[in-house]
C-alpha atoms as a PDB file:
ATOM      1  CA  MET A   1     103.471 125.968  74.956  1.00  0.00           C
ATOM      2  CA  ALA A   2     102.706 128.371  77.317  1.00  0.00           C
ATOM      3  CA  TRP A   3     103.797 125.783  80.134  1.00  0.00           C
ATOM      4  CA  LEU A   4     107.825 125.855  78.815  1.00  0.00           C
ATOM      5  CA  GLU A   5     107.400 129.399  78.270  1.00  0.00           C
ATOM      6  CA  GLU A   6     106.203 129.768  81.756  1.00  0.00           C
ATOM      7  CA  LEU A   7     109.764 127.089  82.627  1.00  0.00           C
ATOM      8  CA  ASN A   8     112.051 129.248  81.433  1.00  0.00           C
ATOM      9  CA  ASN A   9     110.882 132.393  82.871  1.00  0.00           C
ATOM     10  CA  ASN A  10     112.084 130.230  86.575  1.00  0.00           C
ATOM     11  CA  VAL A  11     113.509 132.172  88.927  1.00  0.00           C
ATOM     12  CA  THR A  12     117.565 131.009  88.433  1.00  0.00           C
ATOM     13  CA  THR A  13     120.000 132.780  90.239  1.00  0.00           C
ATOM     14  CA  ALA A  14     120.822 134.427  93.012  1.00  0.00           C
ATOM     15  CA  ALA A  15     119.799 138.066  91.466  1.00  0.00           C
ATOM     16  CA  GLY A  16     116.610 136.925  90.864  1.00  0.00           C
ATOM     17  CA  LEU A  17     115.883 135.989  93.954  1.00  0.00           C
ATOM     18  CA  ALA A  18     117.066 139.042  95.908  1.00  0.00           C
ATOM     19  CA  GLU A  19     115.049 141.126  93.347  1.00  0.00           C
ATOM     20  CA  ILE A  20     111.767 139.095  94.999  1.00  0.00           C
ATOM     21  CA  PHE A  21     112.509 138.737  99.159  1.00  0.00           C
ATOM     22  CA  SER A  22     113.926 141.563 100.921  1.00  0.00           C
ATOM     23  CA  ASP A  23     116.396 139.795 103.188  1.00  0.00           C
ATOM     24  CA  ILE A  24     118.024 138.006 100.285  1.00  0.00           C
ATOM     25  CA  VAL A  25     121.835 139.849 100.086  1.00  0.00           C
ATOM     26  CA  ILE A  26     124.063 139.051  97.081  1.00  0.00           C
ATOM     27  CA  ASP A  27     127.513 137.203  98.220  1.00  0.00           C
ATOM     28  CA  LYS A  28     129.918 134.450  97.990  1.00  0.00           C
ATOM     29  CA  LYS A  29     127.384 132.449 100.930  1.00  0.00           C
ATOM     30  CA  ILE A  30     125.084 132.142  98.877  1.00  0.00           C
ATOM     31  CA  GLU A  31     126.663 131.571  95.527  1.00  0.00           C
ATOM     32  CA  ASP A  32     128.801 128.977  96.826  1.00  0.00           C
ATOM     33  CA  VAL A  33     125.295 127.477  97.808  1.00  0.00           C
ATOM     34  CA  LEU A  34     124.072 127.705  94.603  1.00  0.00           C
ATOM     35  CA  GLU A  35     126.855 126.588  92.425  1.00  0.00           C
ATOM     36  CA  LYS A  36     126.927 123.109  94.736  1.00  0.00           C
ATOM     37  CA  TYR A  37     123.060 122.965  94.493  1.00  0.00           C
ATOM     38  CA  PRO A  38     121.406 124.863  91.777  1.00  0.00           C
ATOM     39  CA  ILE A  39     117.931 126.624  91.916  1.00  0.00           C
ATOM     40  CA  SER A  40     114.936 126.186  89.752  1.00  0.00           C
ATOM     41  CA  ILE A  41     111.740 128.173  91.061  1.00  0.00           C
ATOM     42  CA  PRO A  42     108.491 128.671  88.766  1.00  0.00           C
ATOM     43  CA  ARG A  43     107.000 132.257  88.988  1.00  0.00           C
ATOM     44  CA  TYR A  44     103.677 130.213  90.035  1.00  0.00           C
ATOM     45  CA  TYR A  45     105.086 128.647  93.167  1.00  0.00           C
ATOM     46  CA  LEU A  46     107.130 131.666  94.200  1.00  0.00           C
ATOM     47  CA  SER A  47     102.887 133.484  94.212  1.00  0.00           C
ATOM     48  CA  LEU A  48     102.675 131.396  97.053  1.00  0.00           C
ATOM     49  CA  ILE A  49     104.701 132.409  99.154  1.00  0.00           C
ATOM     50  CA  ASN A  50     103.973 135.224 101.879  1.00  0.00           C
ATOM     51  CA  ARG A  51     107.054 137.590 101.688  1.00  0.00           C
ATOM     52  CA  ASP A  52     107.185 139.321 104.685  1.00  0.00           C
ATOM     53  CA  ASP A  53     107.028 135.509 106.433  1.00  0.00           C
ATOM     54  CA  PRO A  54     110.720 134.146 106.731  1.00  0.00           C
ATOM     55  CA  ASN A  55     109.746 130.888 107.923  1.00  0.00           C
ATOM     56  CA  ASP A  56     106.591 130.824 105.188  1.00  0.00           C
ATOM     57  CA  PRO A  57     107.198 126.927 104.632  1.00  0.00           C
ATOM     58  CA  ILE A  58     106.601 127.009 100.785  1.00  0.00           C
ATOM     59  CA  ARG A  59     109.327 129.580 100.671  1.00  0.00           C
ATOM     60  CA  LYS A  60     111.446 126.855 102.528  1.00  0.00           C
ATOM     61  CA  MET A  61     110.960 124.141 100.067  1.00  0.00           C
ATOM     62  CA  CYS A  62     112.362 125.736  97.418  1.00  0.00           C
ATOM     63  CA  VAL A  63     114.469 129.098  97.857  1.00  0.00           C
ATOM     64  CA  PRO A  64     118.054 127.819  98.929  1.00  0.00           C
ATOM     65  CA  SER A  65     120.093 128.396 102.669  1.00  0.00           C
ATOM     66  CA  PHE A  66     123.423 128.689 103.873  1.00  0.00           C
ATOM     67  CA  GLY A  67     122.364 125.146 106.071  1.00  0.00           C
ATOM     68  CA  GLU A  68     122.565 123.015 103.084  1.00  0.00           C
ATOM     69  CA  MET A  69     126.422 123.581 102.916  1.00  0.00           C
ATOM     70  CA  ASP A  70     126.195 121.209 105.724  1.00  0.00           C
ATOM     71  CA  ILE A  71     128.309 117.840 104.552  1.00  0.00           C
ATOM     72  CA  GLY A  72     126.255 115.446 107.204  1.00  0.00           C
ATOM     73  CA  GLY A  73     124.408 112.437 105.785  1.00  0.00           C
ATOM     74  CA  SER A  74     124.753 111.213 102.191  1.00  0.00           C
ATOM     75  CA  PHE A  75     123.961 111.167  98.693  1.00  0.00           C
ATOM     76  CA  ASP A  76     122.596 108.085  98.267  1.00  0.00           C
ATOM     77  CA  THR A  77     120.313 106.689 101.314  1.00  0.00           C
ATOM     78  CA  SER A  78     118.335 103.737 100.286  1.00  0.00           C
ATOM     79  CA  GLY A  79     121.152 101.974  98.063  1.00  0.00           C
ATOM     80  CA  GLU A  80     120.177 103.299  94.090  1.00  0.00           C
ATOM     81  CA  ASN A  81     123.338 102.547  92.716  1.00  0.00           C
ATOM     82  CA  ASP A  82     123.309  98.944  94.199  1.00  0.00           C
ATOM     83  CA  ASN A  83     120.364  98.419  92.840  1.00  0.00           C
ATOM     84  CA  THR A  84     120.580  99.798  89.114  1.00  0.00           C
ATOM     85  CA  VAL A  85     120.760  96.595  86.310  1.00  0.00           C
ATOM     86  CA  ILE A  86     120.708  99.406  83.369  1.00  0.00           C
ATOM     87  CA  THR A  87     121.646 102.823  83.114  1.00  0.00           C
ATOM     88  CA  GLY A  88     118.744 104.385  83.971  1.00  0.00           C
ATOM     89  CA  MET A  89     116.655 101.932  85.519  1.00  0.00           C
ATOM     90  CA  GLN A  90     116.370 100.381  89.414  1.00  0.00           C
ATOM     91  CA  HIS A  91     115.465  96.863  90.173  1.00  0.00           C
ATOM     92  CA  LYS A  92     115.571  97.116  94.064  1.00  0.00           C
ATOM     93  CA  TYR A  93     111.992  95.443  94.422  1.00  0.00           C
ATOM     94  CA  SER A  94     110.885  92.368  92.350  1.00  0.00           C
ATOM     95  CA  GLN A  95     107.479  93.457  91.239  1.00  0.00           C
ATOM     96  CA  THR A  96     108.873  97.063  90.276  1.00  0.00           C
ATOM     97  CA  ALA A  97     111.212  98.887  87.950  1.00  0.00           C
ATOM     98  CA  LEU A  98     112.312 101.902  88.356  1.00  0.00           C
ATOM     99  CA  ILE A  99     113.454 104.170  85.262  1.00  0.00           C
ATOM    100  CA  LEU A 100     115.301 107.265  85.996  1.00  0.00           C
ATOM    101  CA  SER A 101     113.711 108.973  83.023  1.00  0.00           C
ATOM    102  CA  THR A 102     115.263 112.670  83.265  1.00  0.00           C
ATOM    103  CA  TYR A 103     117.463 114.755  85.674  1.00  0.00           C
ATOM    104  CA  CYS A 104     115.104 117.578  84.671  1.00  0.00           C
ATOM    105  CA  CYS A 105     112.610 118.929  87.263  1.00  0.00           C
ATOM    106  CA  ALA A 106     110.190 121.891  87.180  1.00  0.00           C
ATOM    107  CA  MET A 107     111.417 123.181  90.751  1.00  0.00           C
ATOM    108  CA  TYR A 108     114.165 122.349  92.729  1.00  0.00           C
ATOM    109  CA  CYS A 109     113.058 120.897  95.941  1.00  0.00           C
ATOM    110  CA  ARG A 110     115.596 121.777  98.136  1.00  0.00           C
ATOM    111  CA  HIS A 111     114.563 118.532 100.704  1.00  0.00           C
ATOM    112  CA  CYS A 112     115.195 116.282  96.733  1.00  0.00           C
ATOM    113  CA  PHE A 113     116.338 112.880  98.684  1.00  0.00           C
ATOM    114  CA  ARG A 114     118.333 112.789  94.738  1.00  0.00           C
ATOM    115  CA  LYS A 115     119.843 116.142  95.518  1.00  0.00           C
ATOM    116  CA  ARG A 116     123.406 114.213  93.556  1.00  0.00           C
ATOM    117  CA  MET A 117     122.116 114.903  89.850  1.00  0.00           C
ATOM    118  CA  VAL A 118     118.739 116.953  90.316  1.00  0.00           C
ATOM    119  CA  GLY A 119     119.050 120.316  87.840  1.00  0.00           C
ATOM    120  CA  ALA A 120     122.765 119.145  86.542  1.00  0.00           C
ATOM    121  CA  ALA A 121     123.587 116.589  83.568  1.00  0.00           C
ATOM    122  CA  SER A 122     123.731 113.178  84.938  1.00  0.00           C
ATOM    123  CA  ASN A 123     125.447 109.712  83.912  1.00  0.00           C
ATOM    124  CA  GLU A 124     122.148 107.925  85.952  1.00  0.00           C
ATOM    125  CA  VAL A 125     119.134 108.869  83.254  1.00  0.00           C
ATOM    126  CA  ALA A 126     117.905 106.382  81.067  1.00  0.00           C
ATOM    127  CA  ILE A 127     119.544 106.208  77.527  1.00  0.00           C
ATOM    128  CA  ASP A 128     118.907 102.203  76.541  1.00  0.00           C
ATOM    129  CA  PHE A 129     115.528 102.522  75.665  1.00  0.00           C
ATOM    130  CA  ASP A 130     115.506  99.160  73.730  1.00  0.00           C
ATOM    131  CA  LYS A 131     117.521  97.613  76.630  1.00  0.00           C
ATOM    132  CA  ILE A 132     114.871  98.672  79.099  1.00  0.00           C
ATOM    133  CA  PHE A 133     111.934  97.155  77.814  1.00  0.00           C
ATOM    134  CA  GLU A 134     113.992  93.988  76.691  1.00  0.00           C
ATOM    135  CA  TYR A 135     114.466  94.115  80.271  1.00  0.00           C
ATOM    136  CA  ILE A 136     110.991  94.016  81.740  1.00  0.00           C
ATOM    137  CA  LYS A 137     109.931  91.695  79.104  1.00  0.00           C
ATOM    138  CA  GLU A 138     112.086  89.105  80.698  1.00  0.00           C
ATOM    139  CA  TYR A 139     111.157  89.224  84.038  1.00  0.00           C
ATOM    140  CA  ASN A 140     107.750  88.043  84.314  1.00  0.00           C
ATOM    141  CA  GLU A 141     107.811  89.072  88.485  1.00  0.00           C
ATOM    142  CA  ILE A 142     107.715  92.674  87.730  1.00  0.00           C
ATOM    143  CA  THR A 143     104.117  93.889  87.192  1.00  0.00           C
ATOM    144  CA  ASN A 144     104.409  97.266  87.419  1.00  0.00           C
ATOM    145  CA  VAL A 145     106.100 100.374  86.049  1.00  0.00           C
ATOM    146  CA  LEU A 146     107.492 103.714  88.101  1.00  0.00           C
ATOM    147  CA  VAL A 147     108.842 106.156  85.359  1.00  0.00           C
ATOM    148  CA  SER A 148     110.633 108.369  87.749  1.00  0.00           C
ATOM    149  CA  GLY A 149     113.564 111.097  87.379  1.00  0.00           C
ATOM    150  CA  GLY A 150     113.995 114.116  87.914  1.00  0.00           C
ATOM    151  CA  ASP A 151     110.229 114.669  87.196  1.00  0.00           C
ATOM    152  CA  ALA A 152     108.941 112.295  84.613  1.00  0.00           C
ATOM    153  CA  PHE A 153     106.651 115.459  83.937  1.00  0.00           C
ATOM    154  CA  LEU A 154     109.564 117.538  82.182  1.00  0.00           C
ATOM    155  CA  ILE A 155     109.937 115.255  79.390  1.00  0.00           C
ATOM    156  CA  ASN A 156     108.580 115.945  76.374  1.00  0.00           C
ATOM    157  CA  ASN A 157     105.221 114.068  75.192  1.00  0.00           C
ATOM    158  CA  ALA A 158     106.691 112.067  72.235  1.00  0.00           C
ATOM    159  CA  VAL A 159     109.149 110.855  75.009  1.00  0.00           C
ATOM    160  CA  ILE A 160     106.105 109.692  77.551  1.00  0.00           C
ATOM    161  CA  GLU A 161     103.823 108.503  74.352  1.00  0.00           C
ATOM    162  CA  ASN A 162     107.225 105.771  73.293  1.00  0.00           C
ATOM    163  CA  TYR A 163     107.248 104.426  76.956  1.00  0.00           C
ATOM    164  CA  LEU A 164     103.179 104.026  77.607  1.00  0.00           C
ATOM    165  CA  SER A 165     103.588 102.558  74.114  1.00  0.00           C
ATOM    166  CA  ALA A 166     105.898 100.120  74.873  1.00  0.00           C
ATOM    167  CA  LEU A 167     104.906  99.291  78.370  1.00  0.00           C
ATOM    168  CA  SER A 168     101.474  99.183  77.971  1.00  0.00           C
ATOM    169  CA  SER A 169     102.279  96.349  74.979  1.00  0.00           C
ATOM    170  CA  ILE A 170     103.722  93.976  77.978  1.00  0.00           C
ATOM    171  CA  ASP A 171     101.353  91.736  78.967  1.00  0.00           C
ATOM    172  CA  HIS A 172     102.502  90.995  82.396  1.00  0.00           C
ATOM    173  CA  LEU A 173     102.307  95.088  83.748  1.00  0.00           C
ATOM    174  CA  ASP A 174      99.727  96.175  85.629  1.00  0.00           C
ATOM    175  CA  TYR A 175      99.824  99.036  85.795  1.00  0.00           C
ATOM    176  CA  ILE A 176     102.329 102.414  84.785  1.00  0.00           C
ATOM    177  CA  ARG A 177     103.849 104.423  87.130  1.00  0.00           C
ATOM    178  CA  PHE A 178     104.638 108.149  86.631  1.00  0.00           C
ATOM    179  CA  GLY A 179     106.360 110.449  89.033  1.00  0.00           C
ATOM    180  CA  THR A 180     105.935 114.016  89.128  1.00  0.00           C
ATOM    181  CA  ARG A 181     105.267 117.164  91.205  1.00  0.00           C
ATOM    182  CA  THR A 182     103.941 119.525  88.295  1.00  0.00           C
ATOM    183  CA  PRO A 183     100.148 119.574  89.960  1.00  0.00           C
ATOM    184  CA  VAL A 184     102.019 120.602  92.446  1.00  0.00           C
ATOM    185  CA  VAL A 185     104.250 123.193  91.704  1.00  0.00           C
ATOM    186  CA  LEU A 186     104.047 123.807  87.459  1.00  0.00           C
ATOM    187  CA  PRO A 187     100.424 122.688  87.279  1.00  0.00           C
ATOM    188  CA  GLN A 188     100.123 124.453  83.663  1.00  0.00           C
ATOM    189  CA  ARG A 189     102.162 121.014  82.402  1.00  0.00           C
ATOM    190  CA  ILE A 190      98.899 119.819  82.762  1.00  0.00           C
ATOM    191  CA  THR A 191      96.097 122.358  82.405  1.00  0.00           C
ATOM    192  CA  GLU A 192      97.968 123.997  79.327  1.00  0.00           C
ATOM    193  CA  ASP A 193      98.700 120.913  77.044  1.00  0.00           C
ATOM    194  CA  THR A 194      95.979 118.822  76.350  1.00  0.00           C
ATOM    195  CA  GLU A 195      97.909 116.792  73.975  1.00  0.00           C
ATOM    196  CA  LEU A 196      99.947 115.409  77.312  1.00  0.00           C
ATOM    197  CA  VAL A 197      96.272 114.558  79.168  1.00  0.00           C
ATOM    198  CA  GLU A 198      94.592 113.776  75.822  1.00  0.00           C
ATOM    199  CA  ILE A 199      97.776 111.138  75.323  1.00  0.00           C
ATOM    200  CA  LEU A 200      97.221 109.516  78.806  1.00  0.00           C
ATOM    201  CA  SER A 201      93.216 108.862  78.851  1.00  0.00           C
ATOM    202  CA  ARG A 202      94.394 106.930  75.435  1.00  0.00           C
ATOM    203  CA  TYR A 203      96.467 104.893  77.015  1.00  0.00           C
ATOM    204  CA  ASN A 204      94.801 104.889  80.118  1.00  0.00           C
ATOM    205  CA  GLU A 205      92.257 102.519  78.314  1.00  0.00           C
ATOM    206  CA  LYS A 206      95.568 100.027  77.440  1.00  0.00           C
ATOM    207  CA  LYS A 207      96.836  99.943  80.911  1.00  0.00           C
ATOM    208  CA  GLN A 208      95.686 102.056  84.410  1.00  0.00           C
ATOM    209  CA  ILE A 209      98.036 104.932  85.145  1.00  0.00           C
ATOM    210  CA  TYR A 210      98.797 106.176  88.396  1.00  0.00           C
ATOM    211  CA  ILE A 211     100.354 109.503  89.028  1.00  0.00           C
ATOM    212  CA  VAL A 212     102.568 109.560  92.233  1.00  0.00           C
ATOM    213  CA  THR A 213     103.108 113.545  93.298  1.00  0.00           C
ATOM    214  CA  GLN A 214     103.288 115.388  96.540  1.00  0.00           C
ATOM    215  CA  PHE A 215     101.485 117.822  98.291  1.00  0.00           C
ATOM    216  CA  ASN A 216     103.703 118.209 101.688  1.00  0.00           C
ATOM    217  CA  HIS A 217     101.261 121.802 102.996  1.00  0.00           C
ATOM    218  CA  PRO A 218      97.971 122.811 102.437  1.00  0.00           C
ATOM    219  CA  ASN A 219      99.309 126.109 100.711  1.00  0.00           C
ATOM    220  CA  GLU A 220     100.168 123.987  97.777  1.00  0.00           C
ATOM    221  CA  ILE A 221      96.306 123.340  96.645  1.00  0.00           C
ATOM    222  CA  THR A 222      95.662 126.179  95.025  1.00  0.00           C
ATOM    223  CA  ASP A 223      92.702 126.050  92.036  1.00  0.00           C
ATOM    224  CA  GLN A 224      95.689 125.727  89.501  1.00  0.00           C
ATOM    225  CA  SER A 225      96.537 122.570  91.475  1.00  0.00           C
ATOM    226  CA  LYS A 226      92.680 121.138  91.874  1.00  0.00           C
ATOM    227  CA  GLU A 227      92.209 121.290  88.091  1.00  0.00           C
ATOM    228  CA  ALA A 228      94.894 119.463  87.236  1.00  0.00           C
ATOM    229  CA  VAL A 229      93.667 117.392  89.631  1.00  0.00           C
ATOM    230  CA  ARG A 230      90.669 117.320  88.262  1.00  0.00           C
ATOM    231  CA  LEU A 231      92.203 117.142  83.995  1.00  0.00           C
ATOM    232  CA  LEU A 232      93.613 113.925  85.256  1.00  0.00           C
ATOM    233  CA  ARG A 233      91.368 112.007  87.060  1.00  0.00           C
ATOM    234  CA  LYS A 234      88.353 113.463  84.581  1.00  0.00           C
ATOM    235  CA  ALA A 235      91.400 111.354  81.852  1.00  0.00           C
ATOM    236  CA  GLY A 236      91.079 107.728  83.994  1.00  0.00           C
ATOM    237  CA  ILE A 237      94.720 108.782  86.266  1.00  0.00           C
ATOM    238  CA  VAL A 238      94.322 107.560  89.894  1.00  0.00           C
ATOM    239  CA  ILE A 239      96.402 110.496  92.201  1.00  0.00           C
ATOM    240  CA  LYS A 240      97.909 109.174  94.743  1.00  0.00           C
ATOM    241  CA  ASN A 241     100.454 111.440  97.872  1.00  0.00           C
ATOM    242  CA  GLN A 242     103.581 110.486  99.258  1.00  0.00           C
ATOM    243  CA  THR A 243     103.951 113.409 101.258  1.00  0.00           C
ATOM    244  CA  VAL A 244     107.368 114.128 102.851  1.00  0.00           C
ATOM    245  CA  LEU A 245     107.499 114.761 107.118  1.00  0.00           C
ATOM    246  CA  LEU A 246     109.542 117.833 107.083  1.00  0.00           C
ATOM    247  CA  LYS A 247     110.866 120.177 109.892  1.00  0.00           C
ATOM    248  CA  GLY A 248     109.455 123.323 110.101  1.00  0.00           C
ATOM    249  CA  ILE A 249     107.163 123.245 107.229  1.00  0.00           C
ATOM    250  CA  ASN A 250     104.636 119.723 108.015  1.00  0.00           C
ATOM    251  CA  ASP A 251     105.473 118.885 111.120  1.00  0.00           C
ATOM    252  CA  LYS A 252     102.788 119.719 113.225  1.00  0.00           C
ATOM    253  CA  PRO A 253      98.936 117.683 113.224  1.00  0.00           C
ATOM    254  CA  GLU A 254      96.738 120.903 112.272  1.00  0.00           C
ATOM    255  CA  THR A 255      99.008 121.063 109.221  1.00  0.00           C
ATOM    256  CA  LEU A 256      99.086 117.574 108.060  1.00  0.00           C
ATOM    257  CA  GLY A 257      96.030 116.991 109.328  1.00  0.00           C
ATOM    258  CA  THR A 258      94.594 119.725 107.025  1.00  0.00           C
ATOM    259  CA  LEU A 259      96.493 118.492 104.046  1.00  0.00           C
ATOM    260  CA  PHE A 260      95.260 114.934 104.019  1.00  0.00           C
ATOM    261  CA  ARG A 261      91.705 116.179 103.769  1.00  0.00           C
ATOM    262  CA  GLU A 262      92.052 118.400 101.486  1.00  0.00           C
ATOM    263  CA  LEU A 263      93.860 115.732  99.245  1.00  0.00           C
ATOM    264  CA  THR A 264      90.926 113.295  99.888  1.00  0.00           C
ATOM    265  CA  LYS A 265      88.682 116.466  99.150  1.00  0.00           C
ATOM    266  CA  ILE A 266      90.302 116.884  95.274  1.00  0.00           C
ATOM    267  CA  GLY A 267      90.527 112.769  94.991  1.00  0.00           C
ATOM    268  CA  VAL A 268      93.680 112.783  95.958  1.00  0.00           C
ATOM    269  CA  ILE A 269      94.921 110.357  98.008  1.00  0.00           C
ATOM    270  CA  PRO A 270      97.038 110.197 101.043  1.00  0.00           C
ATOM    271  CA  TYR A 271      99.313 106.925  99.803  1.00  0.00           C
ATOM    272  CA  TYR A 272     102.690 107.415 101.924  1.00  0.00           C
ATOM    273  CA  VAL A 273     104.043 110.042 104.347  1.00  0.00           C
ATOM    274  CA  PHE A 274     107.998 109.838 103.583  1.00  0.00           C
ATOM    275  CA  GLN A 275     110.894 110.149 106.800  1.00  0.00           C
ATOM    276  CA  CYS A 276     113.101 112.236 105.536  1.00  0.00           C
ATOM    277  CA  ARG A 277     116.359 111.013 104.078  1.00  0.00           C
ATOM    278  CA  PRO A 278     119.519 111.787 105.627  1.00  0.00           C
ATOM    279  CA  VAL A 279     120.760 113.460 102.617  1.00  0.00           C
ATOM    280  CA  SER A 280     123.747 115.469 102.591  1.00  0.00           C
ATOM    281  CA  GLY A 281     122.388 119.179 102.344  1.00  0.00           C
ATOM    282  CA  VAL A 282     119.104 117.831 103.897  1.00  0.00           C
ATOM    283  CA  LYS A 283     119.373 116.256 107.082  1.00  0.00           C
ATOM    284  CA  ASN A 284     119.906 118.689 109.530  1.00  0.00           C
ATOM    285  CA  GLN A 285     117.344 120.622 108.461  1.00  0.00           C
ATOM    286  CA  PHE A 286     114.144 119.037 107.966  1.00  0.00           C
ATOM    287  CA  GLN A 287     114.616 115.837 109.652  1.00  0.00           C
ATOM    288  CA  VAL A 288     112.061 115.185 112.223  1.00  0.00           C
ATOM    289  CA  PRO A 289     112.717 112.855 115.666  1.00  0.00           C
ATOM    290  CA  ILE A 290     111.005 109.544 114.286  1.00  0.00           C
ATOM    291  CA  ARG A 291     109.201 109.824 117.967  1.00  0.00           C
ATOM    292  CA  ASP A 292     107.776 113.058 117.727  1.00  0.00           C
ATOM    293  CA  GLY A 293     107.307 112.074 114.134  1.00  0.00           C
ATOM    294  CA  TYR A 294     105.359 109.333 114.893  1.00  0.00           C
ATOM    295  CA  GLU A 295     102.926 111.436 117.582  1.00  0.00           C
ATOM    296  CA  ILE A 296     102.346 114.515 114.784  1.00  0.00           C
ATOM    297  CA  ILE A 297     101.320 111.689 112.167  1.00  0.00           C
ATOM    298  CA  GLU A 298      98.822 109.940 114.557  1.00  0.00           C
ATOM    299  CA  GLN A 299      97.254 113.272 115.273  1.00  0.00           C
ATOM    300  CA  ALA A 300      97.039 114.057 111.927  1.00  0.00           C
ATOM    301  CA  LYS A 301      95.401 110.693 111.006  1.00  0.00           C
ATOM    302  CA  ASN A 302      92.790 111.058 113.593  1.00  0.00           C
ATOM    303  CA  MET A 303      91.459 113.683 112.298  1.00  0.00           C
ATOM    304  CA  GLN A 304      90.527 112.114 108.899  1.00  0.00           C
ATOM    305  CA  ASN A 305      87.736 110.300 107.899  1.00  0.00           C
ATOM    306  CA  GLY A 306      88.209 106.320 106.269  1.00  0.00           C
ATOM    307  CA  ASN A 307      89.776 107.548 103.042  1.00  0.00           C
ATOM    308  CA  GLY A 308      92.545 109.921 104.717  1.00  0.00           C
ATOM    309  CA  LYS A 309      93.591 106.798 106.991  1.00  0.00           C
ATOM    310  CA  CYS A 310      95.202 104.825 103.936  1.00  0.00           C
ATOM    311  CA  PHE A 311      98.535 106.055 104.063  1.00  0.00           C
ATOM    312  CA  ARG A 312     101.751 104.832 106.250  1.00  0.00           C
ATOM    313  CA  TYR A 313     104.380 106.345 107.606  1.00  0.00           C
ATOM    314  CA  ALA A 314     107.840 104.291 106.627  1.00  0.00           C
ATOM    315  CA  MET A 315     111.296 105.105 105.609  1.00  0.00           C
ATOM    316  CA  SER A 316     113.028 103.963 102.267  1.00  0.00           C
ATOM    317  CA  ASN A 317     116.533 103.067 103.498  1.00  0.00           C
ATOM    318  CA  LYS A 318     119.298 100.075 101.828  1.00  0.00           C
ATOM    319  CA  ARG A 319     117.442  96.974 102.683  1.00  0.00           C
ATOM    320  CA  GLY A 320     113.852  98.088 102.340  1.00  0.00           C
ATOM    321  CA  LYS A 321     110.392 100.320 102.810  1.00  0.00           C
ATOM    322  CA  VAL A 322     110.008 100.282 106.170  1.00  0.00           C
ATOM    323  CA  GLU A 323     106.852 101.102 108.333  1.00  0.00           C
ATOM    324  CA  ILE A 324     106.924 103.187 111.235  1.00  0.00           C
ATOM    325  CA  ILE A 325     104.185 101.016 113.291  1.00  0.00           C
ATOM    326  CA  GLY A 326     104.005 102.669 116.512  1.00  0.00           C
ATOM    327  CA  LYS A 327     105.504 102.639 120.278  1.00  0.00           C
ATOM    328  CA  GLY A 328     106.817  99.081 121.951  1.00  0.00           C
ATOM    329  CA  LEU A 329     105.951  99.408 126.041  1.00  0.00           C
ATOM    330  CA  ASN A 330     109.586 100.020 126.741  1.00  0.00           C
ATOM    331  CA  GLU A 331     110.648 103.547 126.826  1.00  0.00           C
ATOM    332  CA  GLY A 332     111.780 104.713 123.664  1.00  0.00           C
ATOM    333  CA  GLU A 333     110.700 101.687 122.069  1.00  0.00           C
ATOM    334  CA  MET A 334     109.753 102.028 118.390  1.00  0.00           C
ATOM    335  CA  ILE A 335     108.308  98.997 116.033  1.00  0.00           C
ATOM    336  CA  PHE A 336     108.486  99.016 112.799  1.00  0.00           C
ATOM    337  CA  LYS A 337     107.981  96.552 109.819  1.00  0.00           C
ATOM    338  CA  PHE A 338     109.078  96.050 106.546  1.00  0.00           C
ATOM    339  CA  HIS A 339     106.488  97.189 104.034  1.00  0.00           C
ATOM    340  CA  GLN A 340     108.919  96.008 101.305  1.00  0.00           C
ATOM    341  CA  ALA A 341     112.227  94.772 101.487  1.00  0.00           C
ATOM    342  CA  LYS A 342     115.248  94.133  98.749  1.00  0.00           C
ATOM    343  CA  ASP A 343     116.146  90.802 100.181  1.00  0.00           C
ATOM    344  CA  LYS A 344     113.473  88.276 100.324  1.00  0.00           C
ATOM    345  CA  GLU A 345     114.560  87.057 104.254  1.00  0.00           C
ATOM    346  CA  ASN A 346     113.128  90.733 105.417  1.00  0.00           C
ATOM    347  CA  ARG A 347     109.635  90.848 103.679  1.00  0.00           C
ATOM    348  CA  GLY A 348     107.319  91.639 106.212  1.00  0.00           C
ATOM    349  CA  LYS A 349     109.579  90.690 109.243  1.00  0.00           C
ATOM    350  CA  ILE A 350     108.639  93.297 112.253  1.00  0.00           C
ATOM    351  CA  PHE A 351     111.340  94.503 114.728  1.00  0.00           C
ATOM    352  CA  THR A 352     111.905  97.238 117.843  1.00  0.00           C
ATOM    353  CA  LYS A 353     114.318  99.643 118.169  1.00  0.00           C
ATOM    354  CA  VAL A 354     114.709 101.598 121.001  1.00  0.00           C
ATOM    355  CA  LEU A 355     115.464 105.023 119.794  1.00  0.00           C
ATOM    356  CA  SER A 356     116.652 108.921 121.892  1.00  0.00           C
ATOM    357  CA  LYS A 357     114.626 111.790 120.851  1.00  0.00           C
ATOM    358  CA  ASN A 358     116.597 112.954 118.466  1.00  0.00           C
ATOM    359  CA  GLU A 359     117.243 109.619 116.728  1.00  0.00           C
ATOM    360  CA  CYS A 360     115.797 110.496 112.811  1.00  0.00           C
ATOM    361  CA  TRP A 361     116.940 107.434 110.641  1.00  0.00           C
ATOM    362  CA  VAL A 362     116.786 103.488 111.341  1.00  0.00           C
ATOM    363  CA  ASP A 363     119.248 101.971 109.015  1.00  0.00           C
END
């Protein structure tokens, strides 16, 4: 398949980067970064970069920097290990089962919150499908399954169909979700694979399928990504977007506002704007202070019509998915609400916390 040829042609070495970017020098520093955090960038995604601009937002999301060697932060900021009930499956929220289907991605995003596992063989991905499906069947409280990774669309079509066949037969599931960034970084996975689209269309008649993707900047919305979205929507798939608020990439109201408007134009629903997690190798590069983030997002929201205002500004920490609601009465006070919570007593709970101007996370 042509998309596999494209994937196999990804830039994966410092030498490959140096051929493209004149300011990249092959030395021990960059080799150390790549040894710790590998790179894999589709040629398509590289084509979106303005090579004359070292601060190009697309470049920042895919090209490594020395800042990744900062050891601050954590590799598991939301307690994924604690919520793993079967190898490759998490059950943090009662209604949702999360399956880590692969450690592979079409591109290794520099802001990834699973930097600990992506790009290298991992013992965290699903291996015993029967055991996972039996667990989901047993727990009637589970009403949806998110097949994630890595990138769920980097597994082959036969495995995707295996997931859909098993999950669509479970009566108490309302819908099935796939987490994939391929519409953004490798749209050819969808536009050049009629079999994948046919599989999704066929199983969507049995159980509603949602795709959760991640457009972070308007420059990612191209003719190719629009075509991928069009084909998925034609198959009856609902597409929702989870943007990550990233310093130097989309931390301006005009940028986020334009992104949301362009997404709603093509039928992609803004779902969440996530506070960037304090992940090792990510924290001090990409996090935006929460107080600033709230102001940026409110201004971006004011640029939207009704459909563009549907998203929530939130963070996923060990206790749950915490919505950042607004400013309190006191200086620096912010209001939060548990949009989802691991523990029942926290569900729907509202709390306040006084934050300094530079605070980027609430545990």
